[in-house]
């Protein structure tokens, strides 16, 4: 308990109230919904074959199937209505690739969201240090957004094929006895695929969440400052002064004229002459002043 209390005391749980942390919680929750509704599915369809000879009829043929939907391995026995052993019939299709890919993305999303929430709560300062953690988070979030797009679309197409392959009317067409007019074949029970439809919906919800999360992670990376900065053209830039004198800038005195201008040099001092006059030590003296005793 002491370790838990220390972790809780050091945690910064206010980030969970901010969009960055709150969306991550939603991603974690909806990832569970997505892979659980798909990975835990099991369904059943039921048919009846009524032969001309009623003793050979089978009014309760049940066909069960489940995740990962390798339907080509699912079979059932149907009467031939000709006496003898019933025939074994297999369903058609293998849709495990799209289903397993969808579930895998959901599981990895669940794990990454949980790890990211731990970093947000307990290592937020290191996460924002030099924006390295933010940039890694942004790249990973972009990858997950793309993967949710691909997996959701692939599983939506796979689910459509699963519905077609498990349609009792389609399955009845494989039974040889149902081709005879004196025999009567009909569907008794359709498989319920509402859970699978929900899994596809959860997949696209996850896609929306991860795309929306990109904006909030992007704000943490600091890349926004590069886009919001003002560009200054080179011709408008003012050049820096090349050199400085001890007493001031080495620039032309604006008060100096071409004739008899007053051009002081800062940093030099005046001196008395032998006649007792005072003269200032300028290099160029268009006029000089002295006081005669």
Protein backbone atom coordinates (compact mmCIF):
# COMPACT_ATOMS: atom_id res chain seq x y z
CA UNK A 1 0.00 0.00 0.00
CA UNK A 2 2.88 2.37 0.68
CA UNK A 3 4.16 2.00 -2.86
CA UNK A 4 0.70 2.66 -4.26
CA UNK A 5 0.27 5.72 -2.07
CA UNK A 6 3.64 7.09 -3.19
CA UNK A 7 2.74 6.62 -6.83
CA UNK A 8 -0.61 8.30 -6.32
CA UNK A 9 1.06 11.17 -4.50
CA UNK A 10 3.62 11.67 -7.29
CA UNK A 11 1.08 11.35 -10.09
CA UNK A 12 -0.22 14.31 -12.06
CA UNK A 13 -3.79 13.19 -12.62
CA UNK A 14 -4.99 16.61 -13.73
CA UNK A 15 -3.75 15.71 -17.22
CA UNK A 16 -6.64 13.24 -17.42
CA UNK A 17 -9.03 16.19 -17.39
CA UNK A 18 -7.25 17.74 -20.35
CA UNK A 19 -7.99 16.66 -23.93
CA UNK A 20 -4.62 14.91 -24.24
CA UNK A 21 -5.36 12.53 -21.37
CA UNK A 22 -9.15 12.32 -21.69
CA UNK A 23 -9.02 11.16 -25.32
CA UNK A 24 -6.44 8.56 -24.37
CA UNK A 25 -8.91 7.14 -21.83
CA UNK A 26 -11.58 6.94 -24.55
CA UNK A 27 -9.12 5.20 -26.87
CA UNK A 28 -8.35 2.68 -24.17
CA UNK A 29 -12.04 1.95 -23.53
CA UNK A 30 -13.16 1.73 -27.16
CA UNK A 31 -10.19 -0.48 -28.04
CA UNK A 32 -11.48 -2.99 -25.48
CA UNK A 33 -14.96 -2.80 -27.01
CA UNK A 34 -13.59 -3.29 -30.52
CA UNK A 35 -11.48 -6.40 -30.02
CA UNK A 36 -13.78 -8.00 -27.45
CA UNK A 37 -16.94 -7.81 -29.60
CA UNK A 38 -15.09 -9.36 -32.51
CA UNK A 39 -12.80 -11.83 -30.76
CA UNK A 40 -15.44 -13.33 -28.48
CA UNK A 41 -18.11 -13.89 -31.14
CA UNK A 42 -19.75 -17.25 -31.78
CA UNK A 43 -22.80 -17.79 -33.92
CA UNK A 44 -25.09 -20.53 -35.17
CA UNK A 45 -27.45 -21.13 -38.05
CA UNK A 46 -30.11 -23.81 -38.20
CA UNK A 47 -31.80 -25.56 -41.13
CA UNK A 48 -34.21 -28.40 -41.73
CA UNK A 49 -34.29 -31.00 -44.49
CA UNK A 50 -37.59 -32.83 -44.87
CA UNK A 51 -37.25 -35.83 -47.16
CA UNK A 52 -40.02 -37.62 -49.03
CA UNK A 53 -39.30 -40.51 -46.75
CA UNK A 54 -39.88 -38.84 -43.40
CA UNK A 55 -37.70 -41.31 -41.56
CA UNK A 56 -34.64 -39.89 -43.28
CA UNK A 57 -35.47 -36.25 -42.54
CA UNK A 58 -33.42 -34.03 -40.30
CA UNK A 59 -35.36 -31.03 -39.04
CA UNK A 60 -32.66 -29.57 -36.81
CA UNK A 61 -29.31 -29.20 -38.59
CA UNK A 62 -27.18 -26.83 -36.54
CA UNK A 63 -24.03 -25.17 -37.85
CA UNK A 64 -21.86 -23.33 -35.33
CA UNK A 65 -19.01 -20.99 -36.22
CA UNK A 66 -16.88 -18.52 -34.30
CA UNK A 67 -13.87 -16.21 -34.41
CA UNK A 68 -11.50 -16.25 -36.34
CA UNK A 69 -14.05 -17.32 -39.01
CA UNK A 70 -12.16 -20.07 -40.79
CA UNK A 71 -15.43 -21.20 -42.31
CA UNK A 72 -13.81 -23.70 -44.67
CA UNK A 73 -13.11 -25.80 -41.56
CA UNK A 74 -16.75 -25.71 -40.38
CA UNK A 75 -18.89 -28.62 -41.51
CA UNK A 76 -22.24 -30.30 -40.86
CA UNK A 77 -23.95 -33.54 -41.84
CA UNK A 78 -27.06 -33.44 -44.01
CA UNK A 79 -29.30 -36.32 -45.11
CA UNK A 80 -29.22 -37.47 -48.72
CA UNK A 81 -32.83 -38.63 -48.68
CA UNK A 82 -31.63 -41.70 -50.61
CA UNK A 83 -30.79 -43.91 -47.71
CA UNK A 84 -27.32 -44.57 -46.43
CA UNK A 85 -24.96 -42.27 -44.58
CA UNK A 86 -25.53 -38.50 -44.52
CA UNK A 87 -23.19 -36.33 -46.54
CA UNK A 88 -20.66 -34.00 -44.91
CA UNK A 89 -20.78 -30.43 -46.19
CA UNK A 90 -18.24 -27.67 -45.47
CA UNK A 91 -18.89 -23.96 -45.48
CA UNK A 92 -16.95 -21.75 -47.86
CA UNK A 93 -14.39 -19.05 -47.10
CA UNK A 94 -11.53 -18.14 -44.78
CA UNK A 95 -11.90 -14.68 -43.29
CA UNK A 96 -9.44 -15.08 -40.44
CA UNK A 97 -6.88 -12.60 -41.83
CA UNK A 98 -9.10 -9.52 -41.65
CA UNK A 99 -10.65 -10.56 -38.32
CA UNK A 100 -7.32 -11.32 -36.64
CA UNK A 101 -5.76 -8.13 -37.98
CA UNK A 102 -8.63 -6.10 -36.55
CA UNK A 103 -8.35 -7.78 -33.14
CA UNK A 104 -4.56 -7.40 -33.13
CA UNK A 105 -4.79 -3.65 -33.73
CA UNK A 106 -7.34 -3.42 -30.93
CA UNK A 107 -5.09 -5.27 -28.48
CA UNK A 108 -2.03 -3.19 -29.33
CA UNK A 109 -4.11 -0.03 -29.04
CA UNK A 110 -5.26 -1.12 -25.60
CA UNK A 111 -1.66 -1.75 -24.47
CA UNK A 112 -0.26 1.48 -25.91
CA UNK A 113 -3.08 3.60 -24.49
CA UNK A 114 -2.50 2.12 -21.05
CA UNK A 115 1.26 2.78 -21.30
CA UNK A 116 0.68 6.34 -22.54
CA UNK A 117 -1.68 7.07 -19.65
CA UNK A 118 0.97 5.88 -17.21
CA UNK A 119 3.52 8.23 -18.80
CA UNK A 120 1.08 11.15 -18.74
CA UNK A 121 0.37 10.65 -15.04
CA UNK A 122 3.81 9.81 -13.66
CA UNK A 123 6.42 10.94 -16.24
CA UNK A 124 4.83 14.03 -17.73
CA UNK A 125 7.93 16.23 -17.26
CA UNK A 126 10.19 13.75 -19.03
CA UNK A 127 7.52 13.31 -21.70
CA UNK A 128 7.66 17.03 -22.47
CA UNK A 129 11.45 17.36 -22.03
CA UNK A 130 12.93 18.49 -25.36
CA UNK A 131 9.59 17.36 -26.89
CA UNK A 132 11.14 13.95 -27.68
CA UNK A 133 8.38 12.00 -26.01
CA UNK A 134 5.74 14.16 -27.67
CA UNK A 135 7.22 13.57 -31.12
CA UNK A 136 7.37 9.82 -30.57
CA UNK A 137 3.77 9.89 -29.34
CA UNK A 138 2.70 11.83 -32.43
CA UNK A 139 4.35 9.37 -34.84
CA UNK A 140 2.88 6.35 -33.04
CA UNK A 141 -0.57 7.98 -32.96
CA UNK A 142 -0.39 8.61 -36.71
CA UNK A 143 0.52 4.96 -37.29
CA UNK A 144 -2.39 3.76 -35.14
CA UNK A 145 -4.81 6.08 -36.94
CA UNK A 146 -3.73 4.61 -40.28
CA UNK A 147 -3.93 1.06 -38.94
CA UNK A 148 -7.45 1.61 -37.64
CA UNK A 149 -8.47 2.87 -41.05
CA UNK A 150 -7.04 -0.19 -42.80
CA UNK A 151 -8.22 -2.76 -40.27
CA UNK A 152 -11.75 -1.34 -39.97
CA UNK A 153 -12.24 -1.27 -43.73
CA UNK A 154 -10.79 -4.76 -44.13
CA UNK A 155 -12.95 -6.18 -41.35
CA UNK A 156 -16.07 -4.47 -42.70
CA UNK A 157 -15.48 -6.24 -46.03
CA UNK A 158 -14.69 -9.51 -44.24
CA UNK A 159 -17.86 -9.27 -42.17
CA UNK A 160 -19.91 -8.79 -45.31
CA UNK A 161 -18.41 -11.99 -46.72
CA UNK A 162 -19.05 -13.84 -43.45
CA UNK A 163 -22.72 -12.86 -43.57
CA UNK A 164 -22.99 -14.14 -47.12
CA UNK A 165 -21.20 -17.41 -46.37
CA UNK A 166 -23.38 -18.13 -43.32
CA UNK A 167 -26.70 -17.20 -44.89
CA UNK A 168 -28.92 -20.30 -44.50
CA UNK A 169 -30.36 -19.85 -47.98
CA UNK A 170 -26.84 -19.96 -49.43
CA UNK A 171 -25.89 -22.97 -47.33
CA UNK A 172 -29.02 -24.90 -48.33
CA UNK A 173 -27.90 -24.66 -51.95
CA UNK A 174 -24.92 -26.91 -51.07
CA UNK A 175 -27.19 -29.74 -49.90
CA UNK A 176 -27.73 -32.26 -52.66
CA UNK A 177 -31.05 -33.49 -51.30
CA UNK A 178 -32.51 -29.97 -51.55
CA UNK A 179 -32.15 -30.10 -55.34
CA UNK A 180 -34.93 -32.67 -55.52
CA UNK A 181 -38.41 -31.17 -55.70
CA UNK A 182 -40.01 -33.88 -53.55
CA UNK A 183 -37.73 -32.86 -50.64
CA UNK A 184 -38.37 -29.72 -48.66
CA UNK A 185 -35.54 -27.62 -47.22
CA UNK A 186 -35.92 -24.41 -45.25
CA UNK A 187 -34.04 -22.20 -42.81
CA UNK A 188 -34.97 -22.30 -39.18
CA UNK A 189 -32.60 -19.90 -37.47
CA UNK A 190 -30.43 -17.09 -38.84
CA UNK A 191 -27.13 -16.26 -37.13
CA UNK A 192 -27.18 -13.08 -35.08
CA UNK A 193 -24.36 -10.79 -36.19
CA UNK A 194 -25.32 -7.65 -34.30
CA UNK A 195 -22.20 -8.02 -32.15
CA UNK A 196 -20.02 -8.11 -35.26
CA UNK A 197 -21.76 -5.04 -36.65
CA UNK A 198 -20.98 -3.29 -33.38
CA UNK A 199 -17.31 -4.25 -33.65
CA UNK A 200 -17.08 -2.52 -37.03
CA UNK A 201 -18.71 0.58 -35.56
CA UNK A 202 -16.22 0.56 -32.69
CA UNK A 203 -13.41 0.27 -35.22
CA UNK A 204 -14.40 3.47 -37.00
CA UNK A 205 -14.97 5.22 -33.66
CA UNK A 206 -11.39 4.36 -32.78
CA UNK A 207 -10.30 5.79 -36.10
CA UNK A 208 -12.03 9.10 -35.32
CA UNK A 209 -10.51 9.20 -31.83
CA UNK A 210 -6.97 8.62 -33.06
CA UNK A 211 -7.26 11.20 -35.83
CA UNK A 212 -8.61 13.74 -33.34
CA UNK A 213 -5.85 12.88 -30.88
CA UNK A 214 -3.21 13.82 -33.46
CA UNK A 215 -4.03 17.51 -33.07
CA UNK A 216 -3.56 17.56 -29.29
CA UNK A 217 -0.32 15.59 -29.47
CA UNK A 218 0.90 17.86 -32.27
CA UNK A 219 0.43 20.88 -30.00
CA UNK A 220 2.78 19.25 -27.48
CA UNK A 221 5.58 18.67 -30.00
CA UNK A 222 6.45 22.36 -30.44
CA UNK A 223 6.23 22.08 -34.21
CA UNK A 224 3.40 24.58 -34.17
CA UNK A 225 5.85 27.38 -33.34
CA UNK A 226 7.68 26.74 -36.61
CA UNK A 227 4.45 27.14 -38.57
CA UNK A 228 3.17 30.15 -36.64
CA UNK A 229 6.47 32.11 -36.82
CA UNK A 230 6.67 35.28 -38.98
CA UNK A 231 9.03 35.16 -41.93
CA UNK A 232 11.17 38.26 -42.50
CA UNK A 233 12.44 38.72 -46.08
CA UNK A 234 16.19 39.17 -46.43
CA UNK A 235 15.99 42.59 -48.11
CA UNK A 236 14.17 44.05 -45.12
CA UNK A 237 16.69 42.88 -42.56
CA UNK A 238 18.92 45.56 -41.05
CA UNK A 239 22.64 44.66 -41.09
CA UNK A 240 24.40 44.60 -37.77
CA UNK A 241 27.16 47.25 -37.17
CA UNK A 242 30.52 45.89 -38.26
CA UNK A 243 32.76 47.71 -35.78
CA UNK A 244 32.63 49.97 -32.78
CA UNK A 245 35.05 52.66 -31.59
CA UNK A 246 35.89 53.08 -27.97
CA UNK A 247 33.78 56.14 -27.64
CA UNK A 248 30.96 55.38 -30.09
CA UNK A 249 29.91 53.98 -33.45
CA UNK A 250 32.18 54.40 -36.46
CA UNK A 251 29.60 56.26 -38.47
CA UNK A 252 29.79 59.61 -40.25
CA UNK A 253 28.70 62.54 -38.15
CA UNK A 254 25.48 63.84 -39.63
CA UNK A 255 26.41 67.36 -38.49
CA UNK A 256 29.71 67.33 -40.37
CA UNK A 257 29.62 69.38 -43.53
CA UNK A 258 31.80 69.35 -46.56
CA UNK A 259 33.28 72.75 -45.65
CA UNK A 260 34.33 73.76 -42.16
CA UNK A 261 32.21 71.19 -40.46
CA UNK A 262 32.58 70.32 -36.88
CA UNK A 263 34.01 66.79 -36.80
CA UNK A 264 34.87 65.65 -33.28
CA UNK A 265 36.70 62.46 -32.54
CA UNK A 266 35.51 60.93 -29.35
CA UNK A 267 38.07 59.54 -27.00
CA UNK A 268 40.71 62.36 -27.47
CA UNK A 269 41.43 65.09 -24.95
CA UNK A 270 42.37 68.79 -25.37
CA UNK A 271 45.83 70.17 -24.41
CA UNK A 272 47.33 73.58 -23.51
CA UNK A 273 49.83 75.11 -25.95
CA UNK A 274 53.08 76.82 -25.05
CA UNK A 275 51.48 80.22 -25.50
CA UNK A 276 49.02 79.28 -22.82
CA UNK A 277 46.21 78.64 -25.19
CA UNK A 278 43.92 75.73 -25.17
CA UNK A 279 43.55 73.70 -28.32
CA UNK A 280 41.50 70.55 -28.98
CA UNK A 281 43.23 67.58 -30.57
CA UNK A 282 41.24 66.96 -33.70
CA UNK A 283 42.84 65.38 -36.75
CA UNK A 284 41.18 67.82 -39.11
CA UNK A 285 40.74 71.34 -37.78
CA UNK A 286 39.13 73.64 -40.27
CA UNK A 287 39.17 76.34 -37.58
CA UNK A 288 41.08 76.66 -34.34
CA UNK A 289 40.62 78.81 -31.37
CA UNK A 290 43.32 80.14 -29.01
CA UNK A 291 43.37 82.67 -26.28
CA UNK A 292 46.24 85.21 -26.35
CA UNK A 293 47.58 86.35 -23.07
